[in-house]
Amino acid sequence: MVVLRASVTTIAAAGLLALLPGTATAAPVALDDGSFEYPAAPANSFTTLTAGQPLGPWAVDSGSVDLIGSGFWQAADRAQSVDLNGTGPGKVSQTFATTAGRTYTISYSLAGNPGGTQGVKTGEVLIDGQNFQNFSFDTTGKTFAKMGYVGRQLTFVATGSSTTLSFASTTAAGAYGPVIDNVSVGSCCSCSSCSG
């Protein structure tokens, strides 16, 4: 009986803590397929998609991208990922529901295609068409088995009932661009610093 009371007290205290003003409370947001798992690309290969084509719930807005299938190289989460340079620099976008005035945090995993000439791959994260973050990744010494993914994050305040998130390559024309995977969105209702 003592154990039960202690558990109930702990749960009640946790619930009260979550309601305190200024407490960071992150909530998941309905971003669909942040790990690029559908459609399925051929195993140990990839599918090139061009502007105007859907990539599951994402859209290819410009240029071309490669949807990397299971086993081709290491994914950051689950089986698939996206190279933002198909035959050249490309951009993918997804629109999701938001609440105006609320702070949101975008988290994602970043690497680069280590095939071809190794070096720095660059790109940007856009919110409603505006550049919110530039990113770069050096593929020197990386391999398909050890991609070297790093976590990246940014925050923004929504201005409307929906927001469009985009990832675009700024790597020069040609294949072998930046790679993204494991994209997620979190929201904070009332907090001074939101960590997702």
Protein backbone atom coordinates (compact mmCIF):
# COMPACT_ATOMS: atom_id res chain seq x y z
CA MET A 1 0.00 0.00 0.00
CA VAL A 2 2.87 2.36 0.76
CA VAL A 3 4.37 1.76 -2.70
CA LEU A 4 1.02 2.56 -4.35
CA ARG A 5 0.67 5.86 -2.43
CA ALA A 6 4.22 6.88 -3.35
CA SER A 7 3.51 6.16 -7.03
CA VAL A 8 0.25 8.14 -7.01
CA THR A 9 1.99 11.05 -5.27
CA THR A 10 4.80 11.01 -7.86
CA ILE A 11 2.33 11.00 -10.75
CA ALA A 12 0.27 13.81 -9.20
CA ALA A 13 3.40 15.90 -8.61
CA ALA A 14 4.52 15.34 -12.19
CA GLY A 15 1.10 16.44 -13.45
CA LEU A 16 1.20 19.63 -11.36
CA LEU A 17 4.73 20.39 -12.54
CA ALA A 18 3.60 20.19 -16.16
CA LEU A 19 0.92 22.81 -15.46
CA LEU A 20 3.19 25.38 -13.83
CA PRO A 21 3.62 28.59 -15.86
CA GLY A 22 6.97 28.83 -17.62
CA THR A 23 7.51 25.07 -17.57
CA ALA A 24 8.77 23.75 -20.90
CA THR A 25 6.22 21.26 -22.15
CA ALA A 26 7.10 19.78 -25.51
CA ALA A 27 4.36 18.09 -27.50
CA PRO A 28 4.73 16.12 -30.72
CA VAL A 29 3.34 17.63 -33.90
CA ALA A 30 1.78 15.68 -36.75
CA LEU A 31 4.64 15.83 -39.24
CA ASP A 32 4.14 12.78 -41.42
CA ASP A 33 6.95 10.35 -42.29
CA GLY A 34 9.96 12.31 -41.03
CA SER A 35 12.14 9.27 -41.73
CA PHE A 36 11.16 9.05 -45.42
CA GLU A 37 9.98 5.44 -45.18
CA TYR A 38 7.36 5.62 -47.92
CA PRO A 39 7.14 5.04 -50.73
CA ALA A 40 9.70 2.24 -50.46
CA ALA A 41 12.74 2.72 -52.70
CA PRO A 42 14.37 -0.42 -54.14
CA ALA A 43 16.53 -2.22 -51.56
CA ASN A 44 20.26 -1.51 -51.96
CA SER A 45 19.42 1.18 -54.51
CA PHE A 46 17.57 4.50 -54.81
CA THR A 47 14.81 6.29 -56.69
CA THR A 48 15.37 9.73 -58.24
CA LEU A 49 12.38 12.08 -57.93
CA THR A 50 12.06 15.39 -59.77
CA ALA A 51 10.17 18.64 -59.20
CA GLY A 52 6.42 18.10 -59.07
CA GLN A 53 6.62 14.50 -57.88
CA PRO A 54 5.38 13.45 -54.43
CA LEU A 55 7.70 11.80 -51.93
CA GLY A 56 5.05 10.27 -49.69
CA PRO A 57 3.66 13.24 -47.69
CA TRP A 58 6.59 15.39 -48.83
CA ALA A 59 6.74 17.17 -52.20
CA VAL A 60 9.77 17.68 -54.41
CA ASP A 61 9.49 21.43 -55.08
CA SER A 62 12.52 21.99 -57.29
CA GLY A 63 15.43 20.14 -58.88
CA SER A 64 15.69 16.47 -57.98
CA VAL A 65 16.40 14.30 -54.93
CA ASP A 66 17.27 10.65 -54.36
CA LEU A 67 15.14 8.52 -52.03
CA ILE A 68 17.69 6.05 -50.67
CA GLY A 69 16.44 2.49 -50.16
CA SER A 70 17.15 0.06 -47.34
CA GLY A 71 20.69 -1.31 -47.31
CA PHE A 72 22.18 1.23 -49.72
CA TRP A 73 23.81 3.12 -46.88
CA GLN A 74 23.34 3.73 -43.15
CA ALA A 75 20.12 5.57 -42.29
CA ALA A 76 19.85 7.72 -39.18
CA ASP A 77 16.42 6.27 -38.35
CA ARG A 78 14.78 3.12 -39.67
CA ALA A 79 15.67 2.19 -43.28
CA GLN A 80 15.50 5.12 -45.71
CA SER A 81 16.86 8.67 -46.09
CA VAL A 82 17.00 11.44 -48.70
CA ASP A 83 19.96 12.79 -50.67
CA LEU A 84 18.99 16.39 -51.54
CA ASN A 85 20.98 16.17 -54.78
CA GLY A 86 19.50 13.78 -57.32
CA THR A 87 20.96 14.80 -60.65
CA GLY A 88 21.37 18.28 -59.17
CA PRO A 89 20.29 20.32 -56.12
CA GLY A 90 16.72 19.72 -55.00
CA LYS A 91 14.20 20.76 -52.37
CA VAL A 92 11.58 18.81 -50.41
CA SER A 93 8.69 20.32 -48.42
CA GLN A 94 5.83 19.32 -46.16
CA THR A 95 3.02 21.46 -44.74
CA PHE A 96 1.74 20.67 -41.24
CA ALA A 97 -0.80 22.16 -38.82
CA THR A 98 0.44 24.81 -36.37
CA THR A 99 -1.02 27.37 -33.95
CA ALA A 100 -0.15 31.02 -34.57
CA GLY A 101 2.11 32.40 -31.85
CA ARG A 102 3.29 29.01 -30.62
CA THR A 103 6.99 28.08 -30.64
CA TYR A 104 8.03 24.96 -32.54
CA THR A 105 11.31 23.08 -32.71
CA ILE A 106 12.51 21.23 -35.81
CA SER A 107 15.01 18.43 -35.20
CA TYR A 108 16.70 16.40 -37.93
CA SER A 109 19.72 14.22 -38.67
CA LEU A 110 22.25 15.47 -41.21
CA ALA A 111 24.97 13.71 -43.21
CA GLY A 112 26.25 13.85 -46.78
CA ASN A 113 26.59 11.47 -49.70
CA PRO A 114 30.17 10.13 -49.39
CA GLY A 115 30.20 8.82 -52.97
CA GLY A 116 31.93 10.77 -55.72
CA THR A 117 34.20 13.61 -54.63
CA GLN A 118 34.20 13.92 -50.87
CA GLY A 119 33.99 17.33 -49.23
CA VAL A 120 31.52 19.80 -47.75
CA LYS A 121 27.84 19.48 -48.68
CA THR A 122 25.61 22.48 -47.96
CA GLY A 123 21.92 23.28 -47.72
CA GLU A 124 19.26 25.23 -45.86
CA VAL A 125 16.11 24.77 -43.83
CA LEU A 126 13.22 27.02 -44.84
CA ILE A 127 10.05 27.88 -42.92
CA ASP A 128 7.27 29.18 -45.18
CA GLY A 129 9.89 29.92 -47.86
CA GLN A 130 12.25 31.88 -45.59
CA ASN A 131 15.72 30.59 -44.78
CA PHE A 132 15.87 29.79 -41.05
CA GLN A 133 19.10 27.78 -40.96
CA ASN A 134 22.07 27.06 -43.21
CA PHE A 135 23.78 23.72 -42.73
CA SER A 136 26.94 22.01 -43.92
CA PHE A 137 28.42 18.55 -43.57
CA ASP A 138 31.93 17.37 -44.47
CA THR A 139 31.88 13.86 -45.95
CA THR A 140 35.67 13.46 -45.83
CA GLY A 141 36.43 10.04 -44.35
CA LYS A 142 32.77 8.99 -44.24
CA THR A 143 31.52 5.75 -45.84
CA PHE A 144 28.17 4.21 -46.75
CA ALA A 145 28.49 2.04 -43.61
CA LYS A 146 29.51 4.97 -41.37
CA MET A 147 27.70 8.08 -42.56
CA GLY A 148 28.48 10.11 -39.42
CA TYR A 149 25.03 11.65 -38.92
CA VAL A 150 24.82 14.69 -36.64
CA GLY A 151 21.74 16.14 -34.98
CA ARG A 152 20.56 19.64 -35.91
CA GLN A 153 17.79 21.78 -34.45
CA LEU A 154 16.08 25.13 -34.93
CA THR A 155 13.09 26.93 -33.43
CA PHE A 156 10.50 29.24 -34.93
CA VAL A 157 7.24 30.92 -33.97
CA ALA A 158 4.31 29.96 -36.18
CA THR A 159 2.44 32.76 -37.90
CA GLY A 160 -0.62 30.82 -39.01
CA SER A 161 -2.67 27.63 -38.83
CA SER A 162 -0.23 25.78 -41.06
CA THR A 163 3.50 25.95 -41.74
CA THR A 164 5.58 24.65 -44.62
CA LEU A 165 8.93 23.09 -43.74
CA SER A 166 11.49 22.72 -46.53
CA PHE A 167 14.98 21.27 -46.87
CA ALA A 168 16.98 22.48 -49.88
CA SER A 169 20.44 21.68 -51.18
CA THR A 170 22.79 24.55 -51.97
CA THR A 171 25.52 22.14 -53.08
CA ALA A 172 26.74 22.85 -56.62
CA ALA A 173 25.11 21.14 -59.60
CA GLY A 174 25.52 17.39 -59.83
CA ALA A 175 24.85 14.41 -57.58
CA TYR A 176 26.24 13.65 -54.10
CA GLY A 177 24.54 16.21 -51.87
CA PRO A 178 23.55 16.64 -48.23
CA VAL A 179 21.50 13.82 -46.69
CA ILE A 180 18.59 14.28 -44.27
CA ASP A 181 16.66 11.83 -42.13
CA ASN A 182 14.77 11.54 -38.84
CA VAL A 183 12.90 14.87 -39.10
CA SER A 184 10.58 15.70 -36.20
CA VAL A 185 8.66 18.70 -34.88
CA GLY A 186 7.83 19.54 -31.27
CA SER A 187 5.91 22.46 -29.79
CA CYS A 188 6.07 24.46 -26.57
CA CYS A 189 2.95 26.13 -25.22
CA SER A 190 4.60 28.45 -22.70
CA CYS A 191 8.33 28.34 -22.32
CA SER A 192 11.23 30.73 -22.69
CA SER A 193 13.48 28.15 -24.35
CA CYS A 194 12.04 25.27 -26.27
CA SER A 195 14.18 22.19 -26.76
CA GLY A 196 11.65 20.02 -28.59
